[in-house]
Amino acid sequence: MRGDTDPILRFHGAAHGVTGSCYEIETPRWRILVDCGLFQGSKSERELNYGAFPFPPDAIDAVILTHAHIDHSGLLPKLVKQGFSGPIHTTRATIDLCSVMLPDAAHIQEMEVEQLNRRNAQRGRPPVEPIYGLQDAAACMTLFRALEYGEWTAVADGVRARFWNAGHLLGSASVELEIDRRDAPLRMIFSGDIGPGHKLLQTDPEGPSDVDYLICESTYGDRDRPDVSPEQRRSQLGDIVRDAAQAGGPLIIPSFAVERTQELLVDLYLLMKAGEVPSAPVFVDSPLATRASAIFERHAHEIEKGDVLRLALNSKELRFTETVEQSKAINRLTGFFVVIAASGMCDAGRIRHHLKANLWRRNATVMMAGYQAQGSLGRILLDGAQRVRIQGEEVEVKARISLFDLYSGHADASELVAWLKARTPVKQQVFLTHGEEAGLGGLRGRLAGLIPDDKIIIPRLDDAFQLTPGGSLPVEVNEPRRLRPEKIARLDWHNDLSKLLLDVNQAVSAAADERGRAAIIRRMRRALDTGGSSI
């Protein structure tokens, strides 16, 4: 039997995908969100950022934020813009990072919407509005409340929260909740994003044991990384740097501005200092990464290798660029140099200009330094695309493309299982989230023998469950789902259209003469005129 006071857990993001993290816990007395993140990946998923929330923002009493990454925090300003006025509980370091990351997200949206509206005006299309602006980000920051690790805090009537270091990012946390019931409190934990072993700048993840419900990420649930020490990782990075230098062109690194960039700077500094790679200019071409680096330097006493980070941030090879003019000037350089620019999945920011300027060069090297979501430009490049479209222009891919995933902020499958084992016993269910199909299925299989399979639930977007003392019960979702499950973490029609346009251009260009080109165009025209029946 369902009790009227049993909380309902709703999955509003990161369900069968790795972005848009947002979980709602509801009782008759209060409603709380854990995270409120931006969707990334395919255009179909990104369009969810512009739609209505699946709950009234002014009905949310509080938000608990696990960490500052945009896929966990990026819709908080929109939440405030649409009526939320409660506290946002998180760690002090997360507040510092959000103070630069959320305004940066707002600025990127305003700039990209401005460019889009210029194109829309030329095409006769109506203008669009950014998801939120700088004023919304500023208003959001006034609601943050600092919570220390290990400190219980009342976040609503009859519910308490405690943070555990997740080892994923400066300030990252797993969230333990206690919700009062008639007998014993209901205990649950949200993993947030769990960090790996040998994580530069971060300690190993922690957490409580003996909970009723556990919500766990599964980004890398299907794979184990090599057991690589920091020295071995640095040596392998050195191989890529030396190869790029020998090719005589730039090394372009799309990187997340917060922590991934700082980790790379430490290793590049140590490699150059030891003479293991040629010394060369290292450009950090991201205003956000510049401001984030200052925050990391301020918190250096709290993180491992903080003294080395300070040296790296003040090395003679390092150059932080601020203005657009400085950014453009980089691509006028010749020879070997390093550019680190956001975004890490190549979907926004200055990295797209550097890719457009260098992908066609045979002597250029592009090194992806982290997970690339399905549908993102980074994933398309890794999957071997020979041509891509960037900002409406076609670019041939001749540069060497590689993935160097040893800086990942996420635990691999073995580390996730070890973290889950340390949380046992789990009295009721484990919900697997924040993973694509392979990661979710892989982690489920690896939990055999530790968690009974009938106690593992893999929710879909907008699924809801009543958390009773005897287990969870599905709650019927009356509203239409915002996106069909099979559309999440998949290439969508926007990706297909982009590839089709590239293929058409290639086919026409490859035709022997004008007559051949005209024949191709006629066949395509007939196919369009007949509604595709002859394709």
Protein backbone atom coordinates (compact mmCIF):
# COMPACT_ATOMS: atom_id res chain seq x y z
CA MET A 1 0.00 0.00 0.00
CA ARG A 2 1.24 3.48 -0.79
CA GLY A 3 1.44 5.86 2.12
CA ASP A 4 0.40 9.46 1.68
CA THR A 5 3.68 10.58 3.22
CA ASP A 6 6.00 8.31 1.20
CA PRO A 7 8.15 10.55 -1.01
CA ILE A 8 7.96 10.42 -4.81
CA LEU A 9 11.24 10.44 -6.72
CA ARG A 10 11.08 11.84 -10.28
CA PHE A 11 13.82 11.59 -12.91
CA HIS A 12 13.83 14.81 -14.96
CA GLY A 13 17.22 14.32 -16.61
CA ALA A 14 20.30 12.09 -17.00
CA ALA A 15 17.97 9.13 -17.66
CA HIS A 16 19.49 6.90 -20.38
CA GLY A 17 21.80 9.86 -21.12
CA VAL A 18 24.67 11.70 -19.46
CA THR A 19 23.39 15.28 -19.35
CA GLY A 20 20.56 17.33 -17.86
CA SER A 21 20.88 15.88 -14.34
CA CYS A 22 17.78 16.74 -12.32
CA TYR A 23 15.94 14.70 -9.71
CA GLU A 24 12.84 15.81 -7.81
CA ILE A 25 11.75 14.48 -4.43
CA GLU A 26 8.18 15.34 -3.48
CA THR A 27 6.02 14.89 -0.40
CA PRO A 28 2.74 16.63 0.52
CA ARG A 29 4.81 19.08 2.59
CA TRP A 30 7.69 20.00 0.28
CA ARG A 31 9.41 19.54 -3.11
CA ILE A 32 13.20 19.44 -3.48
CA LEU A 33 15.49 19.20 -6.52
CA VAL A 34 18.86 17.48 -6.56
CA ASP A 35 20.69 19.26 -9.41
CA CYS A 36 19.17 21.24 -12.26
CA GLY A 37 21.46 20.74 -15.23
CA LEU A 38 21.70 21.68 -18.88
CA PHE A 39 21.02 19.10 -21.60
CA GLN A 40 23.82 18.63 -24.14
CA GLY A 41 24.39 16.38 -27.15
CA SER A 42 21.96 16.22 -30.08
CA LYS A 43 19.85 19.24 -31.01
CA SER A 44 16.71 17.34 -29.95
CA GLU A 45 18.10 17.01 -26.43
CA ARG A 46 19.40 20.59 -26.30
CA GLU A 47 15.92 21.83 -27.24
CA LEU A 48 14.71 20.50 -23.86
CA ASN A 49 16.60 23.43 -22.30
CA TYR A 50 14.17 25.85 -23.97
CA GLY A 51 10.98 24.02 -23.02
CA ALA A 52 8.95 24.25 -19.83
CA PHE A 53 10.16 22.53 -16.70
CA PRO A 54 8.15 19.39 -15.87
CA PHE A 55 7.26 21.02 -12.53
CA PRO A 56 6.27 24.56 -11.45
CA PRO A 57 9.55 26.30 -10.49
CA ASP A 58 7.85 28.40 -7.80
CA ALA A 59 6.65 25.18 -6.08
CA ILE A 60 10.22 23.96 -5.43
CA ASP A 61 11.26 24.62 -1.82
CA ALA A 62 15.02 24.02 -2.13
CA VAL A 63 17.74 22.77 -4.47
CA ILE A 64 20.69 20.59 -3.48
CA LEU A 65 23.56 20.90 -5.97
CA THR A 66 26.15 18.12 -6.20
CA HIS A 67 28.76 20.10 -8.17
CA ALA A 68 29.32 22.96 -10.58
CA HIS A 69 29.49 21.22 -13.96
CA ILE A 70 26.95 22.74 -16.33
CA ASP A 71 25.13 19.45 -16.94
CA HIS A 72 24.27 19.56 -13.22
CA SER A 73 23.95 23.31 -12.54
CA GLY A 74 23.28 24.95 -15.92
CA LEU A 75 19.50 25.46 -15.67
CA LEU A 76 19.52 26.99 -12.19
CA PRO A 77 19.33 30.57 -13.56
CA LYS A 78 16.31 29.56 -15.66
CA LEU A 79 14.72 28.05 -12.53
CA VAL A 80 15.18 31.39 -10.76
CA LYS A 81 14.00 33.34 -13.81
CA GLN A 82 10.75 31.35 -13.73
CA GLY A 83 9.95 31.82 -10.07
CA PHE A 84 12.16 29.72 -7.80
CA SER A 85 13.29 31.69 -4.75
CA GLY A 86 14.41 29.06 -2.24
CA PRO A 87 17.94 28.19 -1.07
CA ILE A 88 20.49 26.33 -3.21
CA HIS A 89 22.58 24.17 -0.88
CA THR A 90 26.07 23.22 -2.04
CA THR A 91 29.72 23.35 -1.01
CA ARG A 92 31.71 26.57 -0.72
CA ALA A 93 34.02 25.64 -3.62
CA THR A 94 31.01 24.86 -5.83
CA ILE A 95 29.61 28.32 -5.09
CA ASP A 96 32.92 29.87 -6.16
CA LEU A 97 32.96 27.86 -9.40
CA CYS A 98 29.29 28.59 -10.18
CA SER A 99 30.00 32.29 -9.72
CA VAL A 100 32.05 32.16 -12.93
CA MET A 101 30.45 29.19 -14.74
CA LEU A 102 26.82 30.32 -14.70
CA PRO A 103 27.53 33.87 -15.96
CA ASP A 104 29.75 32.31 -18.63
CA ALA A 105 26.91 30.00 -19.70
CA ALA A 106 24.58 33.01 -19.87
CA HIS A 107 27.09 34.98 -21.93
CA ILE A 108 27.58 32.09 -24.40
CA GLN A 109 23.80 31.78 -24.79
CA GLU A 110 23.36 35.50 -25.39
CA MET A 111 26.16 35.57 -27.97
CA GLU A 112 25.02 32.43 -29.80
CA VAL A 113 21.38 33.57 -29.85
CA GLU A 114 22.49 36.95 -31.22
CA GLN A 115 24.32 35.19 -34.07
CA LEU A 116 21.39 32.83 -34.66
CA ASN A 117 18.93 35.72 -34.81
CA ARG A 118 21.04 37.44 -37.46
CA ARG A 119 20.83 34.27 -39.56
CA ASN A 120 17.10 33.91 -38.77
CA ALA A 121 16.47 37.49 -39.93
CA GLN A 122 18.21 36.72 -43.23
CA ARG A 123 16.08 33.57 -43.63
CA GLY A 124 12.82 35.25 -42.66
CA ARG A 125 12.50 33.23 -39.44
CA PRO A 126 11.30 34.63 -36.10
CA PRO A 127 13.90 35.57 -33.45
CA VAL A 128 14.54 33.33 -30.44
CA GLU A 129 15.30 34.20 -26.83
CA PRO A 130 18.26 32.85 -24.82
CA ILE A 131 17.40 30.36 -22.09
CA TYR A 132 18.50 32.98 -19.56
CA GLY A 133 20.73 36.02 -19.37
CA LEU A 134 23.46 37.48 -17.19
CA GLN A 135 20.93 39.11 -14.86
CA ASP A 136 19.30 35.74 -14.21
CA ALA A 137 22.68 34.18 -13.41
CA ALA A 138 23.44 37.02 -10.99
CA ALA A 139 20.05 36.63 -9.29
CA CYS A 140 20.66 32.90 -8.98
CA MET A 141 23.96 33.39 -7.15
CA THR A 142 22.23 35.24 -4.30
CA LEU A 143 20.37 32.03 -3.37
CA PHE A 144 23.43 29.83 -2.78
CA ARG A 145 24.05 28.57 0.75
CA ALA A 146 27.35 26.90 1.75
CA LEU A 147 27.30 23.44 3.33
CA GLU A 148 30.42 21.73 4.68
CA TYR A 149 31.26 18.07 4.08
CA GLY A 150 29.92 15.85 6.86
CA GLU A 151 27.59 18.53 8.25
CA TRP A 152 23.87 17.74 8.58
CA THR A 153 21.59 20.58 7.46
CA ALA A 154 17.80 20.80 7.47
CA VAL A 155 16.70 21.57 3.92
CA ALA A 156 12.92 21.27 4.44
CA ASP A 157 10.46 20.21 7.12
CA GLY A 158 11.53 16.74 8.23
CA VAL A 159 14.41 16.27 5.75
CA ARG A 160 18.13 16.63 6.36
CA ALA A 161 21.07 16.56 3.93
CA ARG A 162 24.75 15.73 4.38
CA PHE A 163 27.55 16.04 1.79
CA TRP A 164 30.31 13.51 1.16
CA ASN A 165 33.36 14.25 -1.02
CA ALA A 166 32.71 12.63 -4.42
CA GLY A 167 36.32 13.07 -5.65
CA HIS A 168 35.08 14.27 -9.05
CA LEU A 169 35.66 18.04 -9.11
CA LEU A 170 36.67 20.77 -6.72
CA GLY A 171 33.69 20.96 -4.32
CA SER A 172 31.89 17.91 -5.75
CA ALA A 173 29.65 15.93 -3.41
CA SER A 174 27.47 12.89 -3.03
CA VAL A 175 24.25 13.78 -1.19
CA GLU A 176 22.89 11.75 1.71
CA LEU A 177 19.29 12.46 2.69
CA GLU A 178 17.29 11.50 5.77
CA ILE A 179 13.52 11.89 5.44
CA ASP A 180 11.42 11.55 8.59
CA ARG A 181 8.73 8.85 8.62
CA ARG A 182 6.45 7.48 11.31
CA ASP A 183 9.02 4.87 12.38
CA ALA A 184 12.63 5.12 11.19
CA PRO A 185 13.84 7.81 8.76
CA LEU A 186 14.13 6.91 5.08
CA ARG A 187 17.80 7.11 4.08
CA MET A 188 18.96 7.63 0.50
CA ILE A 189 22.07 8.78 -1.32
CA PHE A 190 22.58 10.45 -4.69
CA SER A 191 26.06 9.64 -5.94
CA GLY A 192 26.45 12.78 -8.05
CA ASP A 193 29.42 12.16 -10.33
CA ILE A 194 31.97 9.79 -8.75
CA GLY A 195 35.65 10.47 -9.31
CA PRO A 196 38.22 7.82 -10.30
CA GLY A 197 41.32 6.60 -8.53
CA HIS A 198 44.58 8.45 -9.29
CA LYS A 199 42.54 11.63 -9.85
CA LEU A 200 44.91 14.56 -10.11
CA LEU A 201 43.92 17.34 -7.67
CA GLN A 202 41.19 15.22 -5.96
CA THR A 203 40.94 12.68 -3.12
CA ASP A 204 39.15 9.34 -3.40
CA PRO A 205 35.32 9.43 -3.21
CA GLU A 206 33.54 8.77 0.09
CA GLY A 207 30.01 8.02 1.25
CA PRO A 208 27.80 6.34 3.87
CA SER A 209 26.61 2.74 3.98
CA ASP A 210 23.34 1.02 4.88
CA VAL A 211 20.82 3.16 2.98
CA ASP A 212 17.32 2.40 1.74
CA TYR A 213 17.71 3.78 -1.79
CA LEU A 214 20.78 4.61 -3.86
CA ILE A 215 20.84 6.68 -7.08
CA CYS A 216 24.13 6.06 -8.88
CA GLU A 217 25.78 7.41 -12.02
CA SER A 218 26.97 4.91 -14.63
CA THR A 219 28.84 6.99 -17.22
CA TYR A 220 31.64 4.43 -17.62
CA GLY A 221 29.70 1.41 -16.35
CA ASP A 222 30.76 -0.67 -19.34
CA ARG A 223 34.50 -0.14 -19.39
CA ASP A 224 37.66 -0.34 -17.33
CA ARG A 225 40.53 2.01 -17.94
CA PRO A 226 44.08 0.76 -17.68
CA ASP A 227 45.39 1.01 -14.13
CA VAL A 228 47.56 4.00 -14.90
CA SER A 229 49.53 5.99 -12.36
CA PRO A 230 49.89 9.78 -12.67
CA GLU A 231 53.44 9.25 -13.95
CA GLN A 232 52.30 6.76 -16.61
CA ARG A 233 49.48 9.06 -17.71
CA ARG A 234 51.91 11.95 -18.03
CA SER A 235 54.27 9.75 -20.07
CA GLN A 236 51.46 8.82 -22.48
CA LEU A 237 50.48 12.49 -22.81
CA GLY A 238 54.13 13.18 -23.60
CA ASP A 239 53.94 10.77 -26.57
CA ILE A 240 51.00 12.73 -28.05
CA VAL A 241 52.73 16.09 -27.46
CA ARG A 242 55.97 14.91 -29.09
CA ASP A 243 54.09 13.51 -32.11
CA ALA A 244 52.24 16.83 -32.52
CA ALA A 245 55.50 18.75 -32.28
CA GLN A 246 57.14 16.46 -34.84
CA ALA A 247 54.21 17.06 -37.22
CA GLY A 248 55.03 20.76 -37.01
CA GLY A 249 51.49 21.93 -36.33
CA PRO A 250 49.29 22.86 -33.38
CA LEU A 251 47.96 20.52 -30.70
CA ILE A 252 44.30 21.48 -30.19
CA ILE A 253 42.72 20.19 -26.98
CA PRO A 254 38.97 20.62 -26.51
CA SER A 255 38.71 20.63 -22.76
CA PHE A 256 36.24 21.30 -20.00
CA ALA A 257 37.24 24.66 -18.59
CA VAL A 258 36.94 23.61 -14.97
CA GLU A 259 39.47 21.13 -13.54
CA ARG A 260 40.26 19.23 -16.78
CA THR A 261 42.11 22.29 -18.06
CA GLN A 262 43.96 22.72 -14.76
CA GLU A 263 44.97 19.02 -14.73
CA LEU A 264 46.34 19.31 -18.26
CA LEU A 265 48.29 22.44 -17.32
CA VAL A 266 49.98 20.63 -14.43
CA ASP A 267 51.09 17.71 -16.61
CA LEU A 268 52.19 19.92 -19.52
CA TYR A 269 54.19 22.07 -17.08
CA LEU A 270 55.92 19.01 -15.56
CA LEU A 271 56.67 17.52 -19.00
CA MET A 272 58.18 20.76 -20.30
CA LYS A 273 60.09 21.43 -17.09
CA ALA A 274 61.66 17.96 -17.25
CA GLY A 275 62.57 18.43 -20.92
CA GLU A 276 60.49 15.40 -21.93
CA VAL A 277 58.60 17.45 -24.55
CA PRO A 278 59.63 20.60 -26.43
CA SER A 279 58.83 23.83 -24.63
CA ALA A 280 56.19 25.77 -26.53
CA PRO A 281 53.46 28.33 -25.89
CA VAL A 282 50.41 26.87 -24.14
CA PHE A 283 47.32 28.99 -24.78
CA VAL A 284 44.31 28.69 -22.50
CA ASP A 285 41.74 30.26 -24.79
CA SER A 286 38.72 30.35 -22.53
CA PRO A 287 37.72 33.27 -20.30
CA LEU A 288 35.92 30.75 -18.10
CA ALA A 289 39.02 28.57 -17.75
CA THR A 290 41.02 31.69 -16.88
CA ARG A 291 38.63 32.63 -14.09
CA ALA A 292 38.29 29.02 -12.94
CA SER A 293 42.09 28.72 -12.73
CA ALA A 294 42.15 31.70 -10.38
CA ILE A 295 39.60 29.93 -8.17
CA PHE A 296 41.66 26.74 -8.18
CA GLU A 297 44.72 28.74 -7.20
CA ARG A 298 42.71 30.28 -4.33
CA HIS A 299 41.66 26.81 -3.16
CA ALA A 300 45.10 25.23 -3.76
CA HIS A 301 45.54 24.51 -0.05
CA GLU A 302 42.44 22.27 -0.15
CA ILE A 303 43.46 20.06 -3.08
CA GLU A 304 46.16 17.53 -3.77
CA LYS A 305 49.15 18.80 -5.79
CA GLY A 306 48.00 22.36 -5.06
CA ASP A 307 51.62 23.57 -4.84
CA VAL A 308 52.42 22.18 -8.32
CA LEU A 309 49.23 23.71 -9.69
CA ARG A 310 50.36 27.13 -8.50
CA LEU A 311 53.69 26.70 -10.31
CA ALA A 312 51.94 25.56 -13.49
CA LEU A 313 49.57 28.53 -13.47
CA ASN A 314 52.53 30.89 -13.26
CA SER A 315 54.85 29.19 -15.77
CA LYS A 316 56.48 31.20 -18.55
CA GLU A 317 54.97 29.00 -21.29
CA LEU A 318 51.37 29.65 -20.21
CA ARG A 319 49.33 32.37 -21.89
CA PHE A 320 45.74 33.16 -20.93
CA THR A 321 43.74 34.87 -23.67
CA GLU A 322 40.74 37.06 -22.91
CA THR A 323 39.61 38.95 -25.99
CA VAL A 324 38.22 37.62 -29.25
CA GLU A 325 41.06 39.38 -31.08
CA GLN A 326 43.65 37.49 -29.00
CA SER A 327 41.81 34.24 -29.72
CA LYS A 328 41.81 34.84 -33.48
CA ALA A 329 45.49 35.80 -33.43
CA ILE A 330 46.43 32.32 -32.20
CA ASN A 331 45.43 30.78 -35.54
CA ARG A 332 47.84 33.08 -37.37
CA LEU A 333 50.78 31.36 -35.67
CA THR A 334 52.82 28.65 -37.39
CA GLY A 335 54.70 25.67 -36.04
CA PHE A 336 54.02 23.78 -32.84
CA PHE A 337 52.00 25.22 -29.97
CA VAL A 338 49.21 24.02 -27.69
CA VAL A 339 45.68 25.40 -27.50
CA ILE A 340 43.30 24.37 -24.72
CA ALA A 341 39.79 25.71 -25.28
CA ALA A 342 36.23 24.95 -24.21
CA SER A 343 33.80 23.39 -24.65
CA GLY A 344 35.02 19.88 -23.95
CA MET A 345 32.48 18.29 -26.33
CA CYS A 346 33.12 20.93 -29.05
CA ASP A 347 29.49 22.10 -29.04
CA ALA A 348 30.05 25.74 -28.07
CA GLY A 349 32.69 28.30 -27.24
CA ARG A 350 36.01 29.20 -28.84
CA ILE A 351 37.06 25.62 -29.58
CA ARG A 352 34.78 25.64 -32.62
CA HIS A 353 36.79 28.51 -34.18
CA HIS A 354 40.04 26.61 -33.59
CA LEU A 355 38.60 23.43 -35.10
CA LYS A 356 37.33 25.31 -38.14
CA ALA A 357 40.79 26.86 -38.58
CA ASN A 358 42.75 23.62 -38.12
CA LEU A 359 40.75 20.46 -38.90
CA TRP A 360 41.66 20.73 -42.58
CA ARG A 361 45.41 20.86 -41.80
CA ARG A 362 47.32 17.56 -42.05
CA ASN A 363 49.92 18.76 -39.54
CA ALA A 364 47.32 19.55 -36.85
CA THR A 365 46.47 17.24 -33.95
CA VAL A 366 43.18 17.27 -32.05
CA MET A 367 43.15 15.45 -28.70
CA MET A 368 39.81 14.90 -26.98
CA ALA A 369 40.39 14.88 -23.24
CA GLY A 370 37.09 13.50 -21.95
CA TYR A 371 33.72 11.89 -22.56
CA GLN A 372 31.95 12.89 -25.78
CA ALA A 373 28.15 12.57 -25.66
CA GLN A 374 26.32 11.04 -28.60
CA GLY A 375 25.39 13.74 -31.11
CA SER A 376 28.12 16.16 -30.02
CA LEU A 377 30.68 17.41 -32.55
CA GLY A 378 33.44 15.80 -30.48
CA ARG A 379 31.78 12.37 -30.75
CA ILE A 380 31.19 12.83 -34.50
CA LEU A 381 34.89 13.58 -35.00
CA LEU A 382 35.95 10.61 -32.88
CA ASP A 383 33.65 8.37 -34.91
CA GLY A 384 35.72 9.17 -37.99
CA ALA A 385 33.79 11.88 -39.86
CA GLN A 386 35.66 12.99 -42.98
CA ARG A 387 33.73 16.26 -43.22
CA VAL A 388 31.83 18.26 -40.61
CA ARG A 389 29.77 21.42 -40.56
CA ILE A 390 30.86 24.12 -38.12
CA GLN A 391 28.89 27.36 -37.86
CA GLY A 392 27.20 26.63 -41.17
CA GLU A 393 30.43 25.96 -43.06
CA GLU A 394 31.75 22.65 -44.39
CA VAL A 395 35.21 21.64 -43.15
CA GLU A 396 37.23 18.67 -44.38
CA VAL A 397 38.88 16.63 -41.60
CA LYS A 398 42.55 15.94 -42.28
CA ALA A 399 43.92 16.52 -38.78
CA ARG A 400 44.77 13.57 -36.57
CA ILE A 401 41.93 12.98 -34.08
CA SER A 402 42.46 11.01 -30.89
CA LEU A 403 40.84 10.37 -27.52
CA PHE A 404 43.00 10.60 -24.40
CA ASP A 405 40.58 9.61 -21.67
CA LEU A 406 42.98 9.19 -18.76
CA TYR A 407 41.93 12.57 -17.31
CA SER A 408 38.31 11.55 -16.98
CA GLY A 409 36.58 12.86 -13.89
CA HIS A 410 34.41 9.73 -13.76
CA ALA A 411 35.09 6.41 -12.08
CA ASP A 412 35.32 3.46 -14.44
CA ALA A 413 33.22 0.30 -14.05
CA SER A 414 35.42 -1.39 -11.43
CA GLU A 415 35.64 1.80 -9.40
CA LEU A 416 31.86 2.31 -9.56
CA VAL A 417 31.31 -1.25 -8.34
CA ALA A 418 33.80 -0.69 -5.51
CA TRP A 419 32.04 2.54 -4.51
CA LEU A 420 28.64 0.81 -4.59
CA LYS A 421 29.95 -2.12 -2.56
CA ALA A 422 31.14 0.27 0.13
CA ARG A 423 27.59 1.69 0.35
CA THR A 424 25.96 -1.70 1.01
CA PRO A 425 23.70 -2.94 2.31
CA VAL A 426 21.11 -1.17 0.18
CA LYS A 427 17.83 -2.26 1.71
CA GLN A 428 15.53 -1.44 -1.20
CA GLN A 429 16.57 -0.40 -4.74
CA VAL A 430 19.49 0.97 -6.72
CA PHE A 431 18.57 3.39 -9.53
CA LEU A 432 21.16 3.63 -12.32
CA THR A 433 21.28 7.00 -14.06
CA HIS A 434 23.70 9.34 -15.87
CA GLY A 435 24.73 6.79 -18.50
CA GLU A 436 24.07 5.84 -22.09
CA GLU A 437 22.75 2.35 -22.91
CA ALA A 438 26.14 0.64 -22.87
CA GLY A 439 27.16 2.18 -19.53
CA LEU A 440 23.83 1.37 -17.87
CA GLY A 441 23.74 -2.21 -19.11
CA GLY A 442 27.42 -2.76 -18.37
CA LEU A 443 27.15 -1.61 -14.76
CA ARG A 444 23.98 -3.62 -14.20
CA GLY A 445 25.80 -6.75 -15.35
CA ARG A 446 28.81 -6.05 -13.15
CA LEU A 447 26.60 -5.67 -10.08
CA ALA A 448 25.49 -9.31 -10.34
CA GLY A 449 26.23 -10.99 -7.03
CA LEU A 450 26.36 -7.67 -5.20
CA ILE A 451 22.89 -6.25 -5.88
CA PRO A 452 20.04 -8.61 -6.93
CA ASP A 453 18.94 -7.79 -10.47
CA ASP A 454 15.31 -7.24 -9.39
CA LYS A 455 16.57 -4.48 -7.09
CA ILE A 456 18.17 -2.52 -9.96
CA ILE A 457 16.01 0.02 -11.78
CA ILE A 458 17.05 1.98 -14.89
CA PRO A 459 14.53 4.85 -15.11
CA ARG A 460 13.52 6.67 -18.29
CA LEU A 461 13.17 10.43 -18.64
CA ASP A 462 10.28 11.71 -16.47
CA ASP A 463 9.72 8.34 -14.75
CA ALA A 464 8.49 8.57 -11.14
CA PHE A 465 8.57 6.16 -8.20
CA GLN A 466 6.99 6.20 -4.75
CA LEU A 467 9.61 5.26 -2.17
CA THR A 468 7.82 3.07 0.36
CA PRO A 469 9.35 1.23 3.36
CA GLY A 470 8.99 -2.01 1.39
CA GLY A 471 10.37 -0.85 -1.95
CA SER A 472 9.63 1.54 -4.78
CA LEU A 473 6.35 1.59 -6.71
CA PRO A 474 6.01 3.10 -10.21
CA VAL A 475 3.90 6.25 -10.38
CA GLU A 476 1.86 6.83 -13.52
CA VAL A 477 3.09 9.82 -15.51
CA ASN A 478 0.03 11.58 -16.85
CA GLU A 479 1.78 14.22 -18.97
CA PRO A 480 3.37 13.32 -22.34
CA ARG A 481 7.09 12.61 -22.05
CA ARG A 482 9.20 15.56 -23.16
CA LEU A 483 11.36 13.31 -25.35
CA ARG A 484 10.78 9.71 -26.34
CA PRO A 485 13.29 7.36 -24.68
CA GLU A 486 14.64 6.12 -28.01
CA LYS A 487 15.60 9.71 -28.93
CA ILE A 488 17.93 10.20 -25.94
CA ALA A 489 21.69 9.84 -26.47
CA ARG A 490 21.13 9.17 -30.18
CA LEU A 491 21.97 10.96 -33.37
CA ASP A 492 18.84 12.88 -34.40
CA TRP A 493 17.43 14.24 -37.67
CA HIS A 494 19.56 17.38 -37.32
CA ASN A 495 22.68 15.21 -37.37
CA ASP A 496 21.28 13.20 -40.31
CA LEU A 497 20.50 16.38 -42.26
CA SER A 498 23.99 17.76 -41.67
CA LYS A 499 25.55 14.51 -42.89
CA LEU A 500 23.24 14.45 -45.93
CA LEU A 501 24.28 17.98 -46.93
CA LEU A 502 27.93 16.99 -46.61
CA ASP A 503 27.36 13.84 -48.70
CA VAL A 504 25.48 15.79 -51.39
CA ASN A 505 28.29 18.34 -51.68
CA GLN A 506 30.85 15.56 -51.87
CA ALA A 507 28.91 13.63 -54.53
CA VAL A 508 28.38 16.70 -56.69
CA SER A 509 32.02 17.75 -56.35
CA ALA A 510 33.19 14.24 -57.26
CA ALA A 511 31.14 14.14 -60.49
CA ALA A 512 33.31 14.00 -63.59
CA ASP A 513 31.82 17.02 -65.33
CA GLU A 514 28.97 19.48 -65.36
CA ARG A 515 26.69 16.93 -67.01
CA GLY A 516 27.29 14.43 -64.18
CA ARG A 517 26.65 17.09 -61.55
CA ALA A 518 23.41 18.10 -63.24
CA ALA A 519 22.26 14.44 -63.31
CA ILE A 520 22.80 14.08 -59.55
CA ILE A 521 20.88 17.25 -58.85
CA ARG A 522 17.99 16.11 -61.13
CA ARG A 523 17.70 12.79 -59.27
CA MET A 524 17.61 14.55 -55.94
CA ARG A 525 15.01 17.01 -57.21
CA ARG A 526 12.78 14.13 -58.41
CA ALA A 527 13.12 12.44 -55.02
CA LEU A 528 12.09 15.62 -53.21
CA ASP A 529 9.20 16.27 -55.60
CA THR A 530 7.80 12.76 -55.01
CA GLY A 531 8.03 13.07 -51.23
CA GLY A 532 11.03 10.79 -50.94
CA SER A 533 9.33 7.70 -52.42
CA SER A 534 12.05 7.26 -55.02
CA ILE A 535 14.97 7.71 -52.66
